[in-house]
Amino acid sequence: MQQAAIERFVKTGGQPPDNVKMLGRWHAGGEFRGVAIVEATDASAVAAMVMQWSDIFSFTTTPALTDEELGAVLAAQQRSAN
């Protein structure tokens, strides 16, 4: 699998789909793992990116919110609890 990943990365540059912005990607030297930070307005775009590589890698995807976005969620939760 490692050779297949190397070949695909060299061929494609590992670029995400057009509707996903790669903010950064880091690789663990000597290991077959890493982390990528991407931005997308649609979760299905991230799913499509993951599917491009899912035959070689396993992924854990975690949505992240800004302080403002999380603040709005927490405020709404607090309002509904009162």
PDB file of N, CA and C in Angstrom:
ATOM      1  N   MET A   1       0.803  -1.193   0.000  1.00  0.00           N
ATOM      2  CA  MET A   1       0.000   0.000   0.000  1.00  0.00           C
ATOM      3  C   MET A   1       0.852   1.266   0.000  1.00  0.00           C
ATOM      4  N   GLN A   2       1.971   1.220   0.686  1.00  0.00           N
ATOM      5  CA  GLN A   2       2.812   2.415   0.746  1.00  0.00           C
ATOM      6  C   GLN A   2       3.271   2.832  -0.648  1.00  0.00           C
ATOM      7  N   GLN A   3       3.648   1.872  -1.475  1.00  0.00           N
ATOM      8  CA  GLN A   3       4.095   2.193  -2.831  1.00  0.00           C
ATOM      9  C   GLN A   3       2.957   2.805  -3.647  1.00  0.00           C
ATOM     10  N   ALA A   4       1.750   2.287  -3.482  1.00  0.00           N
ATOM     11  CA  ALA A   4       0.598   2.851  -4.188  1.00  0.00           C
ATOM     12  C   ALA A   4       0.346   4.292  -3.762  1.00  0.00           C
ATOM     13  N   ALA A   5       0.489   4.580  -2.473  1.00  0.00           N
ATOM     14  CA  ALA A   5       0.308   5.945  -1.980  1.00  0.00           C
ATOM     15  C   ALA A   5       1.375   6.873  -2.538  1.00  0.00           C
ATOM     16  N   ILE A   6       2.607   6.408  -2.571  1.00  0.00           N
ATOM     17  CA  ILE A   6       3.701   7.214  -3.113  1.00  0.00           C
ATOM     18  C   ILE A   6       3.447   7.527  -4.578  1.00  0.00           C
ATOM     19  N   GLU A   7       3.095   6.521  -5.346  1.00  0.00           N
ATOM     20  CA  GLU A   7       2.852   6.717  -6.777  1.00  0.00           C
ATOM     21  C   GLU A   7       1.700   7.698  -7.018  1.00  0.00           C
ATOM     22  N   ARG A   8       0.609   7.544  -6.265  1.00  0.00           N
ATOM     23  CA  ARG A   8      -0.538   8.432  -6.452  1.00  0.00           C
ATOM     24  C   ARG A   8      -0.202   9.867  -6.042  1.00  0.00           C
ATOM     25  N   PHE A   9       0.530  10.019  -4.939  1.00  0.00           N
ATOM     26  CA  PHE A   9       0.890  11.355  -4.483  1.00  0.00           C
ATOM     27  C   PHE A   9       1.809  12.048  -5.488  1.00  0.00           C
ATOM     28  N   VAL A  10       2.794  11.318  -6.003  1.00  0.00           N
ATOM     29  CA  VAL A  10       3.709  11.894  -6.991  1.00  0.00           C
ATOM     30  C   VAL A  10       2.951  12.276  -8.261  1.00  0.00           C
ATOM     31  N   LYS A  11       2.007  11.432  -8.669  1.00  0.00           N
ATOM     32  CA  LYS A  11       1.241  11.686  -9.893  1.00  0.00           C
ATOM     33  C   LYS A  11       0.275  12.865  -9.748  1.00  0.00           C
ATOM     34  N   THR A  12      -0.409  12.960  -8.597  1.00  0.00           N
ATOM     35  CA  THR A  12      -1.472  13.952  -8.436  1.00  0.00           C
ATOM     36  C   THR A  12      -1.075  15.152  -7.592  1.00  0.00           C
ATOM     37  N   GLY A  13       0.003  15.046  -6.851  1.00  0.00           N
ATOM     38  CA  GLY A  13       0.360  16.096  -5.903  1.00  0.00           C
ATOM     39  C   GLY A  13      -0.513  16.072  -4.664  1.00  0.00           C
ATOM     40  N   GLY A  14      -1.396  15.093  -4.589  1.00  0.00           N
ATOM     41  CA  GLY A  14      -2.272  14.977  -3.429  1.00  0.00           C
ATOM     42  C   GLY A  14      -3.233  16.137  -3.268  1.00  0.00           C
ATOM     43  N   GLN A  15      -3.591  16.766  -4.365  1.00  0.00           N
ATOM     44  CA  GLN A  15      -4.460  17.944  -4.312  1.00  0.00           C
ATOM     45  C   GLN A  15      -5.909  17.554  -4.002  1.00  0.00           C
ATOM     46  N   PRO A  16      -6.582  18.364  -3.183  1.00  0.00           N
ATOM     47  CA  PRO A  16      -7.987  18.092  -2.884  1.00  0.00           C
ATOM     48  C   PRO A  16      -8.876  18.499  -4.057  1.00  0.00           C
ATOM     49  N   PRO A  17     -10.153  18.123  -4.016  1.00  0.00           N
ATOM     50  CA  PRO A  17     -11.087  18.570  -5.047  1.00  0.00           C
ATOM     51  C   PRO A  17     -11.168  20.096  -5.069  1.00  0.00           C
ATOM     52  N   ASP A  18     -11.667  20.649  -6.152  1.00  0.00           N
ATOM     53  CA  ASP A  18     -11.746  22.102  -6.313  1.00  0.00           C
ATOM     54  C   ASP A  18     -12.520  22.790  -5.193  1.00  0.00           C
ATOM     55  N   ASN A  19     -13.514  22.122  -4.632  1.00  0.00           N
ATOM     56  CA  ASN A  19     -14.348  22.753  -3.610  1.00  0.00           C
ATOM     57  C   ASN A  19     -13.834  22.531  -2.186  1.00  0.00           C
ATOM     58  N   VAL A  20     -12.585  22.084  -2.055  1.00  0.00           N
ATOM     59  CA  VAL A  20     -11.932  21.923  -0.758  1.00  0.00           C
ATOM     60  C   VAL A  20     -10.617  22.693  -0.803  1.00  0.00           C
ATOM     61  N   LYS A  21     -10.413  23.549   0.183  1.00  0.00           N
ATOM     62  CA  LYS A  21      -9.179  24.336   0.256  1.00  0.00           C
ATOM     63  C   LYS A  21      -8.228  23.690   1.255  1.00  0.00           C
ATOM     64  N   MET A  22      -7.042  23.327   0.796  1.00  0.00           N
ATOM     65  CA  MET A  22      -6.023  22.746   1.664  1.00  0.00           C
ATOM     66  C   MET A  22      -5.342  23.888   2.413  1.00  0.00           C
ATOM     67  N   LEU A  23      -5.508  23.928   3.727  1.00  0.00           N
ATOM     68  CA  LEU A  23      -4.878  24.958   4.546  1.00  0.00           C
ATOM     69  C   LEU A  23      -3.475  24.535   4.970  1.00  0.00           C
ATOM     70  N   GLY A  24      -3.281  23.255   5.108  1.00  0.00           N
ATOM     71  CA  GLY A  24      -1.959  22.733   5.462  1.00  0.00           C
ATOM     72  C   GLY A  24      -1.994  21.226   5.582  1.00  0.00           C
ATOM     73  N   ARG A  25      -0.833  20.622   5.353  1.00  0.00           N
ATOM     74  CA  ARG A  25      -0.740  19.160   5.468  1.00  0.00           C
ATOM     75  C   ARG A  25       0.657  18.844   5.989  1.00  0.00           C
ATOM     76  N   TRP A  26       0.706  17.940   6.940  1.00  0.00           N
ATOM     77  CA  TRP A  26       1.973  17.548   7.541  1.00  0.00           C
ATOM     78  C   TRP A  26       2.062  16.032   7.564  1.00  0.00           C
ATOM     79  N   HIS A  27       3.246  15.531   7.307  1.00  0.00           N
ATOM     80  CA  HIS A  27       3.476  14.086   7.218  1.00  0.00           C
ATOM     81  C   HIS A  27       4.425  13.653   8.326  1.00  0.00           C
ATOM     82  N   ALA A  28       4.172  12.507   8.899  1.00  0.00           N
ATOM     83  CA  ALA A  28       5.059  11.939   9.906  1.00  0.00           C
ATOM     84  C   ALA A  28       6.192  11.237   9.168  1.00  0.00           C
ATOM     85  N   GLY A  29       7.385  11.786   9.269  1.00  0.00           N
ATOM     86  CA  GLY A  29       8.535  11.199   8.577  1.00  0.00           C
ATOM     87  C   GLY A  29       8.778   9.768   9.009  1.00  0.00           C
ATOM     88  N   GLY A  30       8.932   8.895   8.027  1.00  0.00           N
ATOM     89  CA  GLY A  30       9.193   7.493   8.320  1.00  0.00           C
ATOM     90  C   GLY A  30       7.979   6.697   8.741  1.00  0.00           C
ATOM     91  N   GLU A  31       6.844   7.337   8.800  1.00  0.00           N
ATOM     92  CA  GLU A  31       5.616   6.649   9.174  1.00  0.00           C
ATOM     93  C   GLU A  31       4.581   6.853   8.075  1.00  0.00           C
ATOM     94  N   PHE A  32       3.578   6.044   8.084  1.00  0.00           N
ATOM     95  CA  PHE A  32       2.542   6.065   7.051  1.00  0.00           C
ATOM     96  C   PHE A  32       1.309   6.794   7.580  1.00  0.00           C
ATOM     97  N   ARG A  33       1.532   8.035   8.083  1.00  0.00           N
ATOM     98  CA  ARG A  33       0.409   8.810   8.607  1.00  0.00           C
ATOM     99  C   ARG A  33       0.744  10.292   8.591  1.00  0.00           C
ATOM    100  N   GLY A  34      -0.270  11.106   8.819  1.00  0.00           N
ATOM    101  CA  GLY A  34      -0.096  12.545   8.838  1.00  0.00           C
ATOM    102  C   GLY A  34      -1.398  13.220   9.195  1.00  0.00           C
ATOM    103  N   VAL A  35      -1.422  14.528   8.993  1.00  0.00           N
ATOM    104  CA  VAL A  35      -2.615  15.312   9.296  1.00  0.00           C
ATOM    105  C   VAL A  35      -2.778  16.388   8.221  1.00  0.00           C
ATOM    106  N   ALA A  36      -4.022  16.660   7.880  1.00  0.00           N
ATOM    107  CA  ALA A  36      -4.333  17.717   6.921  1.00  0.00           C
ATOM    108  C   ALA A  36      -5.417  18.591   7.526  1.00  0.00           C
ATOM    109  N   ILE A  37      -5.281  19.883   7.313  1.00  0.00           N
ATOM    110  CA  ILE A  37      -6.307  20.838   7.714  1.00  0.00           C
ATOM    111  C   ILE A  37      -6.901  21.397   6.424  1.00  0.00           C
ATOM    112  N   VAL A  38      -8.200  21.202   6.254  1.00  0.00           N
ATOM    113  CA  VAL A  38      -8.867  21.668   5.038  1.00  0.00           C
ATOM    114  C   VAL A  38     -10.068  22.526   5.415  1.00  0.00           C
ATOM    115  N   GLU A  39     -10.515  23.301   4.441  1.00  0.00           N
ATOM    116  CA  GLU A  39     -11.684  24.141   4.629  1.00  0.00           C
ATOM    117  C   GLU A  39     -12.668  23.852   3.501  1.00  0.00           C
ATOM    118  N   ALA A  40     -13.932  23.674   3.875  1.00  0.00           N
ATOM    119  CA  ALA A  40     -14.974  23.423   2.883  1.00  0.00           C
ATOM    120  C   ALA A  40     -16.297  23.920   3.434  1.00  0.00           C
ATOM    121  N   THR A  41     -17.163  24.361   2.555  1.00  0.00           N
ATOM    122  CA  THR A  41     -18.486  24.813   2.983  1.00  0.00           C
ATOM    123  C   THR A  41     -19.489  23.670   2.980  1.00  0.00           C
ATOM    124  N   ASP A  42     -19.074  22.517   2.492  1.00  0.00           N
ATOM    125  CA  ASP A  42     -19.974  21.374   2.346  1.00  0.00           C
ATOM    126  C   ASP A  42     -19.246  20.116   2.813  1.00  0.00           C
ATOM    127  N   ALA A  43     -19.796  19.429   3.792  1.00  0.00           N
ATOM    128  CA  ALA A  43     -19.168  18.217   4.307  1.00  0.00           C
ATOM    129  C   ALA A  43     -19.023  17.143   3.237  1.00  0.00           C
ATOM    130  N   SER A  44     -19.889  17.151   2.245  1.00  0.00           N
ATOM    131  CA  SER A  44     -19.775  16.137   1.190  1.00  0.00           C
ATOM    132  C   SER A  44     -18.503  16.341   0.367  1.00  0.00           C
ATOM    133  N   ALA A  45     -18.006  17.569   0.291  1.00  0.00           N
ATOM    134  CA  ALA A  45     -16.755  17.826  -0.419  1.00  0.00           C
ATOM    135  C   ALA A  45     -15.586  17.162   0.311  1.00  0.00           C
ATOM    136  N   VAL A  46     -15.602  17.227   1.631  1.00  0.00           N
ATOM    137  CA  VAL A  46     -14.558  16.567   2.424  1.00  0.00           C
ATOM    138  C   VAL A  46     -14.687  15.052   2.273  1.00  0.00           C
ATOM    139  N   ALA A  47     -15.905  14.553   2.264  1.00  0.00           N
ATOM    140  CA  ALA A  47     -16.126  13.117   2.066  1.00  0.00           C
ATOM    141  C   ALA A  47     -15.579  12.676   0.716  1.00  0.00           C
ATOM    142  N   ALA A  48     -15.775  13.482  -0.314  1.00  0.00           N
ATOM    143  CA  ALA A  48     -15.254  13.148  -1.643  1.00  0.00           C
ATOM    144  C   ALA A  48     -13.726  13.098  -1.621  1.00  0.00           C
ATOM    145  N   MET A  49     -13.095  14.025  -0.900  1.00  0.00           N
ATOM    146  CA  MET A  49     -11.638  14.026  -0.791  1.00  0.00           C
ATOM    147  C   MET A  49     -11.151  12.756  -0.095  1.00  0.00           C
ATOM    148  N   VAL A  50     -11.818  12.399   0.985  1.00  0.00           N
ATOM    149  CA  VAL A  50     -11.450  11.188   1.726  1.00  0.00           C
ATOM    150  C   VAL A  50     -11.602   9.953   0.839  1.00  0.00           C
ATOM    151  N   MET A  51     -12.676   9.911   0.060  1.00  0.00           N
ATOM    152  CA  MET A  51     -12.915   8.752  -0.803  1.00  0.00           C
ATOM    153  C   MET A  51     -11.837   8.593  -1.875  1.00  0.00           C
ATOM    154  N   GLN A  52     -11.202   9.686  -2.280  1.00  0.00           N
ATOM    155  CA  GLN A  52     -10.127   9.602  -3.276  1.00  0.00           C
ATOM    156  C   GLN A  52      -8.952   8.766  -2.773  1.00  0.00           C
ATOM    157  N   TRP A  53      -8.790   8.696  -1.458  1.00  0.00           N
ATOM    158  CA  TRP A  53      -7.645   8.016  -0.868  1.00  0.00           C
ATOM    159  C   TRP A  53      -8.037   6.853   0.046  1.00  0.00           C
ATOM    160  N   SER A  54      -9.323   6.574   0.212  1.00  0.00           N
ATOM    161  CA  SER A  54      -9.762   5.595   1.205  1.00  0.00           C
ATOM    162  C   SER A  54      -9.365   4.160   0.886  1.00  0.00           C
ATOM    163  N   ASP A  55      -8.963   3.894  -0.340  1.00  0.00           N
ATOM    164  CA  ASP A  55      -8.482   2.544  -0.659  1.00  0.00           C
ATOM    165  C   ASP A  55      -7.070   2.316  -0.128  1.00  0.00           C
ATOM    166  N   ILE A  56      -6.391   3.398   0.290  1.00  0.00           N
ATOM    167  CA  ILE A  56      -5.015   3.298   0.776  1.00  0.00           C
ATOM    168  C   ILE A  56      -4.903   3.680   2.249  1.00  0.00           C
ATOM    169  N   PHE A  57      -5.608   4.723   2.659  1.00  0.00           N
ATOM    170  CA  PHE A  57      -5.513   5.247   4.020  1.00  0.00           C
ATOM    171  C   PHE A  57      -6.833   5.117   4.753  1.00  0.00           C
ATOM    172  N   SER A  58      -6.764   5.121   6.071  1.00  0.00           N
ATOM    173  CA  SER A  58      -7.967   5.286   6.878  1.00  0.00           C
ATOM    174  C   SER A  58      -7.927   6.716   7.419  1.00  0.00           C
ATOM    175  N   PHE A  59      -9.079   7.302   7.608  1.00  0.00           N
ATOM    176  CA  PHE A  59      -9.177   8.705   7.997  1.00  0.00           C
ATOM    177  C   PHE A  59     -10.035   8.862   9.235  1.00  0.00           C
ATOM    178  N   THR A  60      -9.696   9.867   9.999  1.00  0.00           N
ATOM    179  CA  THR A  60     -10.562  10.384  11.043  1.00  0.00           C
ATOM    180  C   THR A  60     -10.805  11.836  10.686  1.00  0.00           C
ATOM    181  N   THR A  61     -12.051  12.201  10.472  1.00  0.00           N
ATOM    182  CA  THR A  61     -12.366  13.591  10.128  1.00  0.00           C
ATOM    183  C   THR A  61     -13.109  14.216  11.305  1.00  0.00           C
ATOM    184  N   THR A  62     -12.748  15.433  11.608  1.00  0.00           N
ATOM    185  CA  THR A  62     -13.337  16.145  12.730  1.00  0.00           C
ATOM    186  C   THR A  62     -13.677  17.560  12.298  1.00  0.00           C
ATOM    187  N   PRO A  63     -14.944  17.936  12.334  1.00  0.00           N
ATOM    188  CA  PRO A  63     -15.273  19.317  12.004  1.00  0.00           C
ATOM    189  C   PRO A  63     -14.758  20.236  13.110  1.00  0.00           C
ATOM    190  N   ALA A  64     -14.319  21.415  12.735  1.00  0.00           N
ATOM    191  CA  ALA A  64     -13.816  22.389  13.697  1.00  0.00           C
ATOM    192  C   ALA A  64     -14.553  23.707  13.492  1.00  0.00           C
ATOM    193  N   LEU A  65     -14.825  24.377  14.593  1.00  0.00           N
ATOM    194  CA  LEU A  65     -15.546  25.643  14.568  1.00  0.00           C
ATOM    195  C   LEU A  65     -14.651  26.763  15.076  1.00  0.00           C
ATOM    196  N   THR A  66     -14.883  27.962  14.572  1.00  0.00           N
ATOM    197  CA  THR A  66     -14.207  29.136  15.126  1.00  0.00           C
ATOM    198  C   THR A  66     -14.828  29.440  16.485  1.00  0.00           C
ATOM    199  N   ASP A  67     -14.189  30.324  17.247  1.00  0.00           N
ATOM    200  CA  ASP A  67     -14.762  30.751  18.527  1.00  0.00           C
ATOM    201  C   ASP A  67     -16.154  31.336  18.327  1.00  0.00           C
ATOM    202  N   GLU A  68     -16.322  32.127  17.271  1.00  0.00           N
ATOM    203  CA  GLU A  68     -17.612  32.758  17.015  1.00  0.00           C
ATOM    204  C   GLU A  68     -18.682  31.724  16.685  1.00  0.00           C
ATOM    205  N   GLU A  69     -18.339  30.755  15.857  1.00  0.00           N
ATOM    206  CA  GLU A  69     -19.309  29.715  15.492  1.00  0.00           C
ATOM    207  C   GLU A  69     -19.698  28.886  16.710  1.00  0.00           C
ATOM    208  N   LEU A  70     -18.721  28.494  17.499  1.00  0.00           N
ATOM    209  CA  LEU A  70     -19.017  27.716  18.698  1.00  0.00           C
ATOM    210  C   LEU A  70     -19.801  28.555  19.697  1.00  0.00           C
ATOM    211  N   GLY A  71     -19.455  29.829  19.814  1.00  0.00           N
ATOM    212  CA  GLY A  71     -20.185  30.714  20.722  1.00  0.00           C
ATOM    213  C   GLY A  71     -21.658  30.771  20.376  1.00  0.00           C
ATOM    214  N   ALA A  72     -21.972  30.842  19.095  1.00  0.00           N
ATOM    215  CA  ALA A  72     -23.371  30.866  18.665  1.00  0.00           C
ATOM    216  C   ALA A  72     -24.084  29.564  19.033  1.00  0.00           C
ATOM    217  N   VAL A  73     -23.409  28.439  18.856  1.00  0.00           N
ATOM    218  CA  VAL A  73     -23.992  27.144  19.217  1.00  0.00           C
ATOM    219  C   VAL A  73     -24.225  27.073  20.721  1.00  0.00           C
ATOM    220  N   LEU A  74     -23.250  27.503  21.499  1.00  0.00           N
ATOM    221  CA  LEU A  74     -23.378  27.454  22.958  1.00  0.00           C
ATOM    222  C   LEU A  74     -24.469  28.391  23.455  1.00  0.00           C
ATOM    223  N   ALA A  75     -24.562  29.571  22.862  1.00  0.00           N
ATOM    224  CA  ALA A  75     -25.609  30.511  23.249  1.00  0.00           C
ATOM    225  C   ALA A  75     -26.984  29.941  22.951  1.00  0.00           C
ATOM    226  N   ALA A  76     -27.143  29.325  21.793  1.00  0.00           N
ATOM    227  CA  ALA A  76     -28.425  28.707  21.446  1.00  0.00           C
ATOM    228  C   ALA A  76     -28.760  27.574  22.403  1.00  0.00           C
ATOM    229  N   GLN A  77     -27.761  26.781  22.765  1.00  0.00           N
ATOM    230  CA  GLN A  77     -27.968  25.683  23.711  1.00  0.00           C
ATOM    231  C   GLN A  77     -28.390  26.239  25.072  1.00  0.00           C
ATOM    232  N   GLN A  78     -27.733  27.288  25.486  1.00  0.00           N
ATOM    233  CA  GLN A  78     -28.050  27.880  26.775  1.00  0.00           C
ATOM    234  C   GLN A  78     -29.471  28.444  26.787  1.00  0.00           C
ATOM    235  N   ARG A  79     -29.868  29.092  25.691  1.00  0.00           N
ATOM    236  CA  ARG A  79     -31.235  29.636  25.589  1.00  0.00           C
ATOM    237  C   ARG A  79     -32.280  28.529  25.682  1.00  0.00           C
ATOM    238  N   SER A  80     -31.997  27.409  24.998  1.00  0.00           N
ATOM    239  CA  SER A  80     -32.982  26.323  24.994  1.00  0.00           C
ATOM    240  C   SER A  80     -33.038  25.593  26.337  1.00  0.00           C
ATOM    241  N   ALA A  81     -31.979  25.701  27.136  1.00  0.00           N
ATOM    242  CA  ALA A  81     -31.962  25.047  28.441  1.00  0.00           C
ATOM    243  C   ALA A  81     -32.715  25.872  29.488  1.00  0.00           C
ATOM    244  N   ASN A  82     -32.910  27.134  29.213  1.00  0.00           N
ATOM    245  CA  ASN A  82     -33.590  28.019  30.194  1.00  0.00           C
ATOM    246  C   ASN A  82     -35.062  28.010  30.037  1.00  0.00           C
TER     247      ASN A  82
END
